[in-house]
Amino acid sequence: MVEEKAIKILKDESFMEDLVSIIVPVYNVEKYLKKSVESILNQTYDNIEILLVDDGSTDNSGNICDSFIKIDSRIRVFHKENGGLSDARNFGIEHIRGQYVSFIDSDDYISKDYVWKLYHSLKNNNSEVSICSFSLVDETGEKIKDEILDNDKICLSGQQVLEKVLTSNGYRYVVAWNKLYRSTLFEKLKFKKGMLYEDEFLNYPLFWECKRVSIVEEPLYLYVQRKGSIVQSNMTLEKIKMKDKMHTSRIEFYAEKKNSFLHQRSCQQYCNWIVTTTASHYNVLNVAFLKYLQQQFRKIVKYTQNDDKKLIVQNILGYINIRLAAYVKSKVM
């Protein structure tokens, strides 16, 4: 009760002066959109604007967006030709008015204190970005599991976040949607249009520019795992090539920045990915791309340094033949 009163006092004072822009890209989500938008409208931090960017929906999503304009003046609706998730986010960025911005996927939803707690953490720590843990839920709202940020500090440097990205649970830091950002970060940075895994292409140049990043351990974002989504659909060669491009772009970025630690770690993660992809999706790979991956492994593995015996063995086997390394990994490691 005391904590609730303290929070109320802070909210009643000048702690909600800053406008927070929330960008919601919308494409054929008529089944989920109402719940998503209502969760944003019910935020305890009410100085927000909600940008619903209808990315050429062919179902009733566009009409649902328009219906919300009559409900709340904080909602702005834009209808555009289909350009993909990155293009819709970039469109929203061009039209924001707020000092801070957050991205919510239109089939997901957020807890009522999502904006408040991220904003409070960001302001108290003078950070450029704040990140929260999230929950995976199914389409009925049943919790699958919590994805908790495993961190013992309330604030990290941008480069410390990039180190986290290169760990086994790094995806918790990669995604665009469990965060609040200073809007100025997007004056030069944009999401890459037409790319799968668009969040991964943005995170390393963005966090490189950050001095301070706040961590909120509470899972405030609810990510809906639904059947038929891009992430859940079957692996294709196109997706594998896009993931490969993400890895090579990140390696090149750290090489240009002359950060030997992040460069070495990203090289090892790329080698791990090549072996895992060969093991898990060999039937998807054609001869030409398999040859390319072998050449890439031999080129990149030279930049790795390891004390881990399993990785040393994997790297030696992979240099000889990535199919051999993939086989051993699937049977032994």
C-alpha atoms as a PDB file:
ATOM      1  CA  MET A   1       0.000   0.000   0.000  1.00  0.00           C
ATOM      2  CA  VAL A   2       2.836   2.418   0.872  1.00  0.00           C
ATOM      3  CA  GLU A   3       4.551   1.651  -2.426  1.00  0.00           C
ATOM      4  CA  GLU A   4       1.316   2.295  -4.342  1.00  0.00           C
ATOM      5  CA  LYS A   5       0.866   5.638  -2.574  1.00  0.00           C
ATOM      6  CA  ALA A   6       4.457   6.629  -3.334  1.00  0.00           C
ATOM      7  CA  ILE A   7       3.982   5.817  -6.990  1.00  0.00           C
ATOM      8  CA  LYS A   8       0.744   7.810  -7.067  1.00  0.00           C
ATOM      9  CA  ILE A   9       2.473  10.851  -5.565  1.00  0.00           C
ATOM     10  CA  LEU A  10       5.198  10.686  -8.187  1.00  0.00           C
ATOM     11  CA  LYS A  11       2.616  10.401 -10.941  1.00  0.00           C
ATOM     12  CA  ASP A  12       0.601  13.301  -9.588  1.00  0.00           C
ATOM     13  CA  GLU A  13       3.682  15.525  -9.668  1.00  0.00           C
ATOM     14  CA  SER A  14       5.630  16.493 -12.774  1.00  0.00           C
ATOM     15  CA  PHE A  15       6.699  12.989 -13.678  1.00  0.00           C
ATOM     16  CA  MET A  16       4.499  12.659 -16.737  1.00  0.00           C
ATOM     17  CA  GLU A  17       5.541  15.782 -18.595  1.00  0.00           C
ATOM     18  CA  ASP A  18       7.238  13.870 -21.393  1.00  0.00           C
ATOM     19  CA  LEU A  19       5.121  12.584 -24.241  1.00  0.00           C
ATOM     20  CA  VAL A  20       5.688   8.911 -25.037  1.00  0.00           C
ATOM     21  CA  SER A  21       4.929   7.794 -28.595  1.00  0.00           C
ATOM     22  CA  ILE A  22       3.831   4.193 -29.070  1.00  0.00           C
ATOM     23  CA  ILE A  23       4.102   2.816 -32.593  1.00  0.00           C
ATOM     24  CA  VAL A  24       1.886  -0.155 -33.469  1.00  0.00           C
ATOM     25  CA  PRO A  25       2.445  -1.596 -36.966  1.00  0.00           C
ATOM     26  CA  VAL A  26      -0.785  -3.287 -38.081  1.00  0.00           C
ATOM     27  CA  TYR A  27      -1.184  -5.978 -40.726  1.00  0.00           C
ATOM     28  CA  ASN A  28      -4.051  -8.491 -40.861  1.00  0.00           C
ATOM     29  CA  VAL A  29      -4.472  -8.878 -37.105  1.00  0.00           C
ATOM     30  CA  GLU A  30      -8.225  -8.310 -36.752  1.00  0.00           C
ATOM     31  CA  LYS A  31      -8.401 -11.125 -34.196  1.00  0.00           C
ATOM     32  CA  TYR A  32      -5.812  -9.581 -31.848  1.00  0.00           C
ATOM     33  CA  LEU A  33      -5.822  -5.826 -32.485  1.00  0.00           C
ATOM     34  CA  LYS A  34      -8.547  -4.744 -30.067  1.00  0.00           C
ATOM     35  CA  LYS A  35      -6.881  -6.406 -27.063  1.00  0.00           C
ATOM     36  CA  SER A  36      -3.505  -4.946 -28.010  1.00  0.00           C
ATOM     37  CA  VAL A  37      -4.738  -1.354 -28.373  1.00  0.00           C
ATOM     38  CA  GLU A  38      -6.896  -1.512 -25.248  1.00  0.00           C
ATOM     39  CA  SER A  39      -3.871  -2.591 -23.205  1.00  0.00           C
ATOM     40  CA  ILE A  40      -2.103   0.566 -24.394  1.00  0.00           C
ATOM     41  CA  LEU A  41      -5.092   2.815 -23.696  1.00  0.00           C
ATOM     42  CA  ASN A  42      -5.234   1.461 -20.130  1.00  0.00           C
ATOM     43  CA  GLN A  43      -1.696   2.553 -19.258  1.00  0.00           C
ATOM     44  CA  THR A  44      -1.193   4.232 -15.882  1.00  0.00           C
ATOM     45  CA  TYR A  45       1.145   6.663 -17.644  1.00  0.00           C
ATOM     46  CA  ASP A  46      -1.390   8.564 -19.719  1.00  0.00           C
ATOM     47  CA  ASN A  47       0.722  11.180 -21.518  1.00  0.00           C
ATOM     48  CA  ILE A  48       1.023   8.982 -24.589  1.00  0.00           C
ATOM     49  CA  GLU A  49       0.185   9.081 -28.261  1.00  0.00           C
ATOM     50  CA  ILE A  50      -0.619   5.855 -30.098  1.00  0.00           C
ATOM     51  CA  LEU A  51       0.305   5.614 -33.760  1.00  0.00           C
ATOM     52  CA  LEU A  52      -1.582   2.796 -35.486  1.00  0.00           C
ATOM     53  CA  VAL A  53       0.175   2.232 -38.811  1.00  0.00           C
ATOM     54  CA  ASP A  54      -2.062   0.102 -41.038  1.00  0.00           C
ATOM     55  CA  ASP A  55       0.414  -1.492 -43.430  1.00  0.00           C
ATOM     56  CA  GLY A  56      -2.031  -2.303 -46.231  1.00  0.00           C
ATOM     57  CA  SER A  57      -4.144  -4.810 -44.302  1.00  0.00           C
ATOM     58  CA  THR A  58      -6.537  -6.899 -46.402  1.00  0.00           C
ATOM     59  CA  ASP A  59      -8.785  -7.925 -43.498  1.00  0.00           C
ATOM     60  CA  ASN A  60     -10.817  -5.687 -41.172  1.00  0.00           C
ATOM     61  CA  SER A  61      -7.771  -4.355 -39.287  1.00  0.00           C
ATOM     62  CA  GLY A  62      -7.888  -0.949 -40.990  1.00  0.00           C
ATOM     63  CA  ASN A  63     -11.518  -0.386 -39.989  1.00  0.00           C
ATOM     64  CA  ILE A  64     -10.763  -1.455 -36.424  1.00  0.00           C
ATOM     65  CA  CYS A  65      -7.968   1.133 -36.323  1.00  0.00           C
ATOM     66  CA  ASP A  66     -10.358   3.850 -37.518  1.00  0.00           C
ATOM     67  CA  SER A  67     -12.940   2.893 -34.887  1.00  0.00           C
ATOM     68  CA  PHE A  68     -10.450   3.689 -32.127  1.00  0.00           C
ATOM     69  CA  ILE A  69     -10.120   7.318 -33.251  1.00  0.00           C
ATOM     70  CA  LYS A  70     -13.641   7.954 -31.927  1.00  0.00           C
ATOM     71  CA  ILE A  71     -12.762   6.405 -28.568  1.00  0.00           C
ATOM     72  CA  ASP A  72      -9.574   8.263 -27.605  1.00  0.00           C
ATOM     73  CA  SER A  73      -7.998  11.446 -28.963  1.00  0.00           C
ATOM     74  CA  ARG A  74      -4.509  10.112 -28.215  1.00  0.00           C
ATOM     75  CA  ILE A  75      -4.820   7.693 -31.134  1.00  0.00           C
ATOM     76  CA  ARG A  76      -3.573   8.594 -34.606  1.00  0.00           C
ATOM     77  CA  VAL A  77      -4.208   6.269 -37.546  1.00  0.00           C
ATOM     78  CA  PHE A  78      -2.223   6.022 -40.758  1.00  0.00           C
ATOM     79  CA  HIS A  79      -3.067   3.861 -43.766  1.00  0.00           C
ATOM     80  CA  LYS A  80      -0.256   3.021 -46.182  1.00  0.00           C
ATOM     81  CA  GLU A  81       0.647   0.518 -48.863  1.00  0.00           C
ATOM     82  CA  ASN A  82       2.138  -2.717 -47.610  1.00  0.00           C
ATOM     83  CA  GLY A  83       5.866  -2.386 -47.053  1.00  0.00           C
ATOM     84  CA  GLY A  84       6.554  -4.834 -44.251  1.00  0.00           C
ATOM     85  CA  LEU A  85       7.184  -4.481 -40.529  1.00  0.00           C
ATOM     86  CA  SER A  86      10.364  -2.402 -40.820  1.00  0.00           C
ATOM     87  CA  ASP A  87       8.742   0.031 -43.256  1.00  0.00           C
ATOM     88  CA  ALA A  88       5.712   0.449 -40.983  1.00  0.00           C
ATOM     89  CA  ARG A  89       7.925   1.137 -37.965  1.00  0.00           C
ATOM     90  CA  ASN A  90       9.997   3.647 -39.927  1.00  0.00           C
ATOM     91  CA  PHE A  91       6.804   5.352 -41.115  1.00  0.00           C
ATOM     92  CA  GLY A  92       5.697   5.665 -37.514  1.00  0.00           C
ATOM     93  CA  ILE A  93       9.076   7.064 -36.455  1.00  0.00           C
ATOM     94  CA  GLU A  94       8.717   9.823 -39.055  1.00  0.00           C
ATOM     95  CA  HIS A  95       5.425  10.933 -37.478  1.00  0.00           C
ATOM     96  CA  ILE A  96       6.117  10.742 -33.737  1.00  0.00           C
ATOM     97  CA  ARG A  97       5.814  13.808 -31.529  1.00  0.00           C
ATOM     98  CA  GLY A  98       7.082  12.300 -28.283  1.00  0.00           C
ATOM     99  CA  GLN A  99      10.441  12.607 -26.572  1.00  0.00           C
ATOM    100  CA  TYR A 100      10.358   8.822 -26.092  1.00  0.00           C
ATOM    101  CA  VAL A 101       9.139   5.987 -28.269  1.00  0.00           C
ATOM    102  CA  SER A 102       8.156   2.346 -27.843  1.00  0.00           C
ATOM    103  CA  PHE A 103       7.169  -0.326 -30.365  1.00  0.00           C
ATOM    104  CA  ILE A 104       4.295  -2.730 -29.691  1.00  0.00           C
ATOM    105  CA  ASP A 105       3.476  -5.542 -32.110  1.00  0.00           C
ATOM    106  CA  SER A 106      -0.244  -5.521 -32.878  1.00  0.00           C
ATOM    107  CA  ASP A 107      -0.853  -9.117 -31.796  1.00  0.00           C
ATOM    108  CA  ASP A 108       0.857  -8.594 -28.426  1.00  0.00           C
ATOM    109  CA  TYR A 109      -0.241  -6.629 -25.368  1.00  0.00           C
ATOM    110  CA  ILE A 110       1.291  -4.943 -22.333  1.00  0.00           C
ATOM    111  CA  SER A 111       0.681  -4.689 -18.589  1.00  0.00           C
ATOM    112  CA  LYS A 112      -0.920  -1.473 -17.334  1.00  0.00           C
ATOM    113  CA  ASP A 113       2.368  -0.179 -15.854  1.00  0.00           C
ATOM    114  CA  TYR A 114       4.515  -0.994 -18.902  1.00  0.00           C
ATOM    115  CA  VAL A 115       5.104   2.612 -19.997  1.00  0.00           C
ATOM    116  CA  TRP A 116       5.251   4.019 -16.480  1.00  0.00           C
ATOM    117  CA  LYS A 117       7.861   1.583 -15.174  1.00  0.00           C
ATOM    118  CA  LEU A 118      10.065   1.771 -18.270  1.00  0.00           C
ATOM    119  CA  TYR A 119       9.836   5.569 -18.256  1.00  0.00           C
ATOM    120  CA  HIS A 120      10.509   5.789 -14.512  1.00  0.00           C
ATOM    121  CA  SER A 121      13.567   3.521 -14.839  1.00  0.00           C
ATOM    122  CA  LEU A 122      14.899   5.428 -17.818  1.00  0.00           C
ATOM    123  CA  LYS A 123      14.494   8.852 -16.187  1.00  0.00           C
ATOM    124  CA  ASN A 124      15.871   7.814 -12.785  1.00  0.00           C
ATOM    125  CA  ASN A 125      19.003   6.344 -14.359  1.00  0.00           C
ATOM    126  CA  ASN A 126      19.447   8.996 -17.053  1.00  0.00           C
ATOM    127  CA  SER A 127      19.418   6.242 -19.672  1.00  0.00           C
ATOM    128  CA  GLU A 128      18.831   6.317 -23.403  1.00  0.00           C
ATOM    129  CA  VAL A 129      16.928   3.007 -23.363  1.00  0.00           C
ATOM    130  CA  SER A 130      15.071   0.950 -20.780  1.00  0.00           C
ATOM    131  CA  ILE A 131      14.361  -2.778 -21.230  1.00  0.00           C
ATOM    132  CA  CYS A 132      11.926  -5.064 -19.428  1.00  0.00           C
ATOM    133  CA  SER A 133      11.512  -8.818 -19.146  1.00  0.00           C
ATOM    134  CA  PHE A 134       8.589 -10.363 -21.003  1.00  0.00           C
ATOM    135  CA  SER A 135       6.197 -13.297 -20.887  1.00  0.00           C
ATOM    136  CA  LEU A 136       5.455 -15.740 -23.684  1.00  0.00           C
ATOM    137  CA  VAL A 137       1.726 -16.492 -23.858  1.00  0.00           C
ATOM    138  CA  ASP A 138      -0.438 -18.506 -26.225  1.00  0.00           C
ATOM    139  CA  GLU A 139      -3.397 -17.146 -28.186  1.00  0.00           C
ATOM    140  CA  THR A 140      -5.739 -17.717 -25.234  1.00  0.00           C
ATOM    141  CA  GLY A 141      -3.516 -15.692 -22.898  1.00  0.00           C
ATOM    142  CA  GLU A 142      -2.195 -18.757 -21.102  1.00  0.00           C
ATOM    143  CA  LYS A 143       1.369 -18.160 -19.946  1.00  0.00           C
ATOM    144  CA  ILE A 144       3.981 -20.400 -21.563  1.00  0.00           C
ATOM    145  CA  LYS A 145       6.976 -19.018 -19.681  1.00  0.00           C
ATOM    146  CA  ASP A 146       8.633 -15.826 -18.453  1.00  0.00           C
ATOM    147  CA  GLU A 147      11.752 -14.553 -20.172  1.00  0.00           C
ATOM    148  CA  ILE A 148      13.542 -12.777 -17.337  1.00  0.00           C
ATOM    149  CA  LEU A 149      16.517 -10.507 -17.957  1.00  0.00           C
ATOM    150  CA  ASP A 150      19.273 -12.274 -16.042  1.00  0.00           C
ATOM    151  CA  ASN A 151      21.076  -9.269 -14.745  1.00  0.00           C
ATOM    152  CA  ASP A 152      22.211  -8.199 -11.281  1.00  0.00           C
ATOM    153  CA  LYS A 153      22.467  -4.515 -12.203  1.00  0.00           C
ATOM    154  CA  ILE A 154      19.714  -1.985 -12.806  1.00  0.00           C
ATOM    155  CA  CYS A 155      21.814  -0.201 -15.397  1.00  0.00           C
ATOM    156  CA  LEU A 156      24.284  -1.318 -18.079  1.00  0.00           C
ATOM    157  CA  SER A 157      26.384   0.403 -20.682  1.00  0.00           C
ATOM    158  CA  GLY A 158      25.403  -0.061 -24.308  1.00  0.00           C
ATOM    159  CA  GLN A 159      28.435  -2.270 -24.891  1.00  0.00           C
ATOM    160  CA  GLN A 160      27.522  -4.428 -21.891  1.00  0.00           C
ATOM    161  CA  VAL A 161      24.124  -4.984 -23.504  1.00  0.00           C
ATOM    162  CA  LEU A 162      25.863  -5.987 -26.735  1.00  0.00           C
ATOM    163  CA  GLU A 163      27.873  -8.517 -24.739  1.00  0.00           C
ATOM    164  CA  LYS A 164      24.583  -9.868 -23.374  1.00  0.00           C
ATOM    165  CA  VAL A 165      23.247 -10.194 -26.923  1.00  0.00           C
ATOM    166  CA  LEU A 166      26.061 -12.634 -27.695  1.00  0.00           C
ATOM    167  CA  THR A 167      25.048 -15.037 -24.899  1.00  0.00           C
ATOM    168  CA  SER A 168      22.617 -17.954 -25.103  1.00  0.00           C
ATOM    169  CA  ASN A 169      19.744 -15.759 -23.854  1.00  0.00           C
ATOM    170  CA  GLY A 170      20.725 -12.780 -25.970  1.00  0.00           C
ATOM    171  CA  TYR A 171      17.419 -12.651 -27.840  1.00  0.00           C
ATOM    172  CA  ARG A 172      15.859 -11.095 -24.738  1.00  0.00           C
ATOM    173  CA  TYR A 173      17.916  -7.975 -25.422  1.00  0.00           C
ATOM    174  CA  VAL A 174      17.653  -8.046 -29.235  1.00  0.00           C
ATOM    175  CA  VAL A 175      13.928  -7.590 -29.853  1.00  0.00           C
ATOM    176  CA  ALA A 176      12.642  -4.061 -30.457  1.00  0.00           C
ATOM    177  CA  TRP A 177       9.380  -4.344 -28.569  1.00  0.00           C
ATOM    178  CA  ASN A 178      10.194  -4.671 -24.845  1.00  0.00           C
ATOM    179  CA  LYS A 179      11.896  -1.299 -24.679  1.00  0.00           C
ATOM    180  CA  LEU A 180      11.455   2.439 -24.308  1.00  0.00           C
ATOM    181  CA  TYR A 181      13.863   4.606 -26.310  1.00  0.00           C
ATOM    182  CA  ARG A 182      14.846   8.224 -26.458  1.00  0.00           C
ATOM    183  CA  SER A 183      13.403   9.372 -29.763  1.00  0.00           C
ATOM    184  CA  THR A 184      16.667  11.061 -30.727  1.00  0.00           C
ATOM    185  CA  LEU A 185      18.256   7.629 -31.217  1.00  0.00           C
ATOM    186  CA  PHE A 186      16.197   7.288 -34.393  1.00  0.00           C
ATOM    187  CA  GLU A 187      17.309  10.535 -35.981  1.00  0.00           C
ATOM    188  CA  LYS A 188      20.006   8.595 -37.837  1.00  0.00           C
ATOM    189  CA  LEU A 189      19.019   4.958 -37.296  1.00  0.00           C
ATOM    190  CA  LYS A 190      16.148   3.182 -39.053  1.00  0.00           C
ATOM    191  CA  PHE A 191      14.927  -0.389 -39.402  1.00  0.00           C
ATOM    192  CA  LYS A 192      16.191  -2.096 -42.545  1.00  0.00           C
ATOM    193  CA  LYS A 193      13.320  -2.422 -45.000  1.00  0.00           C
ATOM    194  CA  GLY A 194      12.566  -5.799 -46.541  1.00  0.00           C
ATOM    195  CA  MET A 195      14.657  -7.747 -44.035  1.00  0.00           C
ATOM    196  CA  LEU A 196      13.612 -10.595 -41.797  1.00  0.00           C
ATOM    197  CA  TYR A 197      15.132 -10.434 -38.302  1.00  0.00           C
ATOM    198  CA  GLU A 198      14.952  -6.637 -38.595  1.00  0.00           C
ATOM    199  CA  ASP A 199      15.446  -6.178 -34.835  1.00  0.00           C
ATOM    200  CA  GLU A 200      18.833  -7.886 -34.986  1.00  0.00           C
ATOM    201  CA  PHE A 201      20.073  -5.576 -37.740  1.00  0.00           C
ATOM    202  CA  LEU A 202      19.181  -2.532 -35.625  1.00  0.00           C
ATOM    203  CA  ASN A 203      20.300  -3.532 -32.130  1.00  0.00           C
ATOM    204  CA  TYR A 204      24.078  -3.404 -32.492  1.00  0.00           C
ATOM    205  CA  PRO A 205      24.369   0.095 -34.070  1.00  0.00           C
ATOM    206  CA  LEU A 206      21.716   1.389 -31.666  1.00  0.00           C
ATOM    207  CA  PHE A 207      23.231   0.093 -28.433  1.00  0.00           C
ATOM    208  CA  TRP A 208      26.692   1.091 -29.622  1.00  0.00           C
ATOM    209  CA  GLU A 209      25.463   4.697 -29.341  1.00  0.00           C
ATOM    210  CA  CYS A 210      24.048   4.228 -25.816  1.00  0.00           C
ATOM    211  CA  LYS A 211      25.952   5.159 -22.685  1.00  0.00           C
ATOM    212  CA  ARG A 212      23.325   3.870 -20.248  1.00  0.00           C
ATOM    213  CA  VAL A 213      20.598   1.229 -20.549  1.00  0.00           C
ATOM    214  CA  SER A 214      18.151   0.583 -17.682  1.00  0.00           C
ATOM    215  CA  ILE A 215      16.938  -2.903 -16.783  1.00  0.00           C
ATOM    216  CA  VAL A 216      13.453  -3.670 -15.425  1.00  0.00           C
ATOM    217  CA  GLU A 217      13.284  -7.312 -14.351  1.00  0.00           C
ATOM    218  CA  GLU A 218       9.495  -7.472 -14.145  1.00  0.00           C
ATOM    219  CA  PRO A 219       7.859  -9.052 -17.251  1.00  0.00           C
ATOM    220  CA  LEU A 220       5.679  -6.178 -18.471  1.00  0.00           C
ATOM    221  CA  TYR A 221       5.321  -7.192 -22.126  1.00  0.00           C
ATOM    222  CA  LEU A 222       3.228 -10.183 -23.218  1.00  0.00           C
ATOM    223  CA  TYR A 223       4.420 -11.738 -26.451  1.00  0.00           C
ATOM    224  CA  VAL A 224       1.777 -13.877 -28.149  1.00  0.00           C
ATOM    225  CA  GLN A 225       3.123 -17.000 -29.822  1.00  0.00           C
ATOM    226  CA  ARG A 226       0.564 -17.647 -32.524  1.00  0.00           C
ATOM    227  CA  LYS A 227       0.452 -20.305 -35.177  1.00  0.00           C
ATOM    228  CA  GLY A 228       1.361 -19.162 -38.680  1.00  0.00           C
ATOM    229  CA  SER A 229       3.486 -16.177 -37.617  1.00  0.00           C
ATOM    230  CA  ILE A 230       6.723 -15.452 -39.491  1.00  0.00           C
ATOM    231  CA  VAL A 231       8.821 -16.531 -36.517  1.00  0.00           C
ATOM    232  CA  GLN A 232       6.904 -19.776 -36.035  1.00  0.00           C
ATOM    233  CA  SER A 233       6.675 -20.764 -39.715  1.00  0.00           C
ATOM    234  CA  ASN A 234       8.968 -23.312 -41.371  1.00  0.00           C
ATOM    235  CA  MET A 235      12.595 -22.493 -42.095  1.00  0.00           C
ATOM    236  CA  THR A 236      13.456 -21.588 -45.689  1.00  0.00           C
ATOM    237  CA  LEU A 237      16.695 -20.905 -47.535  1.00  0.00           C
ATOM    238  CA  GLU A 238      15.697 -17.236 -47.768  1.00  0.00           C
ATOM    239  CA  LYS A 239      15.429 -16.993 -43.974  1.00  0.00           C
ATOM    240  CA  ILE A 240      18.770 -18.746 -43.532  1.00  0.00           C
ATOM    241  CA  LYS A 241      20.439 -16.343 -45.972  1.00  0.00           C
ATOM    242  CA  MET A 242      18.933 -13.385 -44.108  1.00  0.00           C
ATOM    243  CA  LYS A 243      20.242 -14.722 -40.796  1.00  0.00           C
ATOM    244  CA  ASP A 244      23.649 -15.205 -42.403  1.00  0.00           C
ATOM    245  CA  LYS A 245      23.568 -11.582 -43.568  1.00  0.00           C
ATOM    246  CA  MET A 246      22.803 -10.458 -40.026  1.00  0.00           C
ATOM    247  CA  HIS A 247      25.815 -12.339 -38.653  1.00  0.00           C
ATOM    248  CA  THR A 248      28.244 -11.066 -41.300  1.00  0.00           C
ATOM    249  CA  SER A 249      26.983  -7.477 -40.989  1.00  0.00           C
ATOM    250  CA  ARG A 250      27.501  -7.557 -37.224  1.00  0.00           C
ATOM    251  CA  ILE A 251      31.026  -8.976 -37.592  1.00  0.00           C
ATOM    252  CA  GLU A 252      31.894  -6.238 -40.093  1.00  0.00           C
ATOM    253  CA  PHE A 253      30.454  -3.592 -37.762  1.00  0.00           C
ATOM    254  CA  TYR A 254      32.620  -4.645 -34.801  1.00  0.00           C
ATOM    255  CA  ALA A 255      35.679  -4.926 -37.048  1.00  0.00           C
ATOM    256  CA  GLU A 256      35.124  -1.345 -38.225  1.00  0.00           C
ATOM    257  CA  LYS A 257      34.688  -0.194 -34.619  1.00  0.00           C
ATOM    258  CA  LYS A 258      37.903  -2.043 -33.664  1.00  0.00           C
ATOM    259  CA  ASN A 259      36.256  -3.772 -30.712  1.00  0.00           C
ATOM    260  CA  SER A 260      38.241  -6.997 -30.525  1.00  0.00           C
ATOM    261  CA  PHE A 261      36.138  -8.609 -27.780  1.00  0.00           C
ATOM    262  CA  LEU A 262      32.762  -8.151 -29.477  1.00  0.00           C
ATOM    263  CA  HIS A 263      34.305  -9.032 -32.836  1.00  0.00           C
ATOM    264  CA  GLN A 264      35.737 -12.286 -31.503  1.00  0.00           C
ATOM    265  CA  ARG A 265      32.494 -13.205 -29.733  1.00  0.00           C
ATOM    266  CA  SER A 266      30.380 -12.450 -32.788  1.00  0.00           C
ATOM    267  CA  CYS A 267      32.727 -14.565 -34.927  1.00  0.00           C
ATOM    268  CA  GLN A 268      32.306 -17.510 -32.560  1.00  0.00           C
ATOM    269  CA  GLN A 269      28.536 -17.090 -32.513  1.00  0.00           C
ATOM    270  CA  TYR A 270      28.541 -17.102 -36.321  1.00  0.00           C
ATOM    271  CA  CYS A 271      30.556 -20.332 -36.364  1.00  0.00           C
ATOM    272  CA  ASN A 272      28.148 -21.870 -33.844  1.00  0.00           C
ATOM    273  CA  TRP A 273      25.223 -20.824 -36.021  1.00  0.00           C
ATOM    274  CA  ILE A 274      26.764 -22.344 -39.155  1.00  0.00           C
ATOM    275  CA  VAL A 275      27.201 -25.710 -37.438  1.00  0.00           C
ATOM    276  CA  THR A 276      23.734 -25.638 -35.851  1.00  0.00           C
ATOM    277  CA  THR A 277      22.087 -24.599 -39.119  1.00  0.00           C
ATOM    278  CA  THR A 278      23.886 -27.352 -41.010  1.00  0.00           C
ATOM    279  CA  ALA A 279      22.696 -29.876 -38.428  1.00  0.00           C
ATOM    280  CA  SER A 280      19.106 -28.661 -38.144  1.00  0.00           C
ATOM    281  CA  HIS A 281      18.300 -27.522 -41.680  1.00  0.00           C
ATOM    282  CA  TYR A 282      20.595 -29.528 -43.933  1.00  0.00           C
ATOM    283  CA  ASN A 283      17.650 -30.515 -46.130  1.00  0.00           C
ATOM    284  CA  VAL A 284      16.952 -26.820 -46.836  1.00  0.00           C
ATOM    285  CA  LEU A 285      20.521 -25.971 -47.890  1.00  0.00           C
ATOM    286  CA  ASN A 286      21.516 -26.313 -51.534  1.00  0.00           C
ATOM    287  CA  VAL A 287      25.013 -27.321 -52.672  1.00  0.00           C
ATOM    288  CA  ALA A 288      26.089 -23.769 -53.509  1.00  0.00           C
ATOM    289  CA  PHE A 289      25.076 -22.298 -50.150  1.00  0.00           C
ATOM    290  CA  LEU A 290      26.551 -25.223 -48.238  1.00  0.00           C
ATOM    291  CA  LYS A 291      29.840 -24.553 -50.032  1.00  0.00           C
ATOM    292  CA  TYR A 292      29.542 -20.872 -49.122  1.00  0.00           C
ATOM    293  CA  LEU A 293      29.001 -21.720 -45.436  1.00  0.00           C
ATOM    294  CA  GLN A 294      32.073 -23.956 -45.446  1.00  0.00           C
ATOM    295  CA  GLN A 295      34.174 -21.138 -46.908  1.00  0.00           C
ATOM    296  CA  GLN A 296      32.776 -18.693 -44.370  1.00  0.00           C
ATOM    297  CA  PHE A 297      33.540 -21.010 -41.465  1.00  0.00           C
ATOM    298  CA  ARG A 298      37.171 -21.406 -42.512  1.00  0.00           C
ATOM    299  CA  LYS A 299      37.498 -17.662 -42.970  1.00  0.00           C
ATOM    300  CA  ILE A 300      35.849 -16.582 -39.701  1.00  0.00           C
ATOM    301  CA  VAL A 301      37.010 -19.299 -37.279  1.00  0.00           C
ATOM    302  CA  LYS A 302      40.536 -17.858 -37.438  1.00  0.00           C
ATOM    303  CA  TYR A 303      39.307 -14.872 -35.411  1.00  0.00           C
ATOM    304  CA  THR A 304      37.925 -16.943 -32.519  1.00  0.00           C
ATOM    305  CA  GLN A 305      39.598 -17.589 -29.168  1.00  0.00           C
ATOM    306  CA  ASN A 306      38.289 -20.218 -26.762  1.00  0.00           C
ATOM    307  CA  ASP A 307      38.983 -21.979 -23.491  1.00  0.00           C
ATOM    308  CA  ASP A 308      35.862 -24.108 -23.943  1.00  0.00           C
ATOM    309  CA  LYS A 309      36.998 -27.579 -25.025  1.00  0.00           C
ATOM    310  CA  LYS A 310      33.728 -28.338 -26.809  1.00  0.00           C
ATOM    311  CA  LEU A 311      34.007 -25.187 -28.892  1.00  0.00           C
ATOM    312  CA  ILE A 312      37.649 -25.912 -29.673  1.00  0.00           C
ATOM    313  CA  VAL A 313      36.693 -29.381 -30.943  1.00  0.00           C
ATOM    314  CA  GLN A 314      33.741 -27.963 -32.883  1.00  0.00           C
ATOM    315  CA  ASN A 315      35.940 -25.333 -34.523  1.00  0.00           C
ATOM    316  CA  ILE A 316      38.593 -27.869 -35.533  1.00  0.00           C
ATOM    317  CA  LEU A 317      36.000 -30.238 -36.987  1.00  0.00           C
ATOM    318  CA  GLY A 318      34.162 -27.378 -38.678  1.00  0.00           C
ATOM    319  CA  TYR A 319      37.328 -26.177 -40.349  1.00  0.00           C
ATOM    320  CA  ILE A 320      37.752 -29.682 -41.803  1.00  0.00           C
ATOM    321  CA  ASN A 321      34.083 -30.127 -42.715  1.00  0.00           C
ATOM    322  CA  ILE A 322      31.023 -28.379 -41.277  1.00  0.00           C
ATOM    323  CA  ARG A 323      28.900 -31.468 -41.971  1.00  0.00           C
ATOM    324  CA  LEU A 324      31.245 -33.483 -39.748  1.00  0.00           C
ATOM    325  CA  ALA A 325      31.036 -30.838 -37.007  1.00  0.00           C
ATOM    326  CA  ALA A 326      27.243 -30.783 -37.343  1.00  0.00           C
ATOM    327  CA  TYR A 327      27.049 -34.573 -37.051  1.00  0.00           C
ATOM    328  CA  VAL A 328      29.268 -34.692 -33.963  1.00  0.00           C
ATOM    329  CA  LYS A 329      27.366 -31.790 -32.379  1.00  0.00           C
ATOM    330  CA  SER A 330      24.032 -33.561 -32.888  1.00  0.00           C
ATOM    331  CA  LYS A 331      25.348 -36.827 -31.415  1.00  0.00           C
ATOM    332  CA  VAL A 332      27.734 -35.753 -28.666  1.00  0.00           C
ATOM    333  CA  MET A 333      27.729 -32.063 -27.777  1.00  0.00           C
END
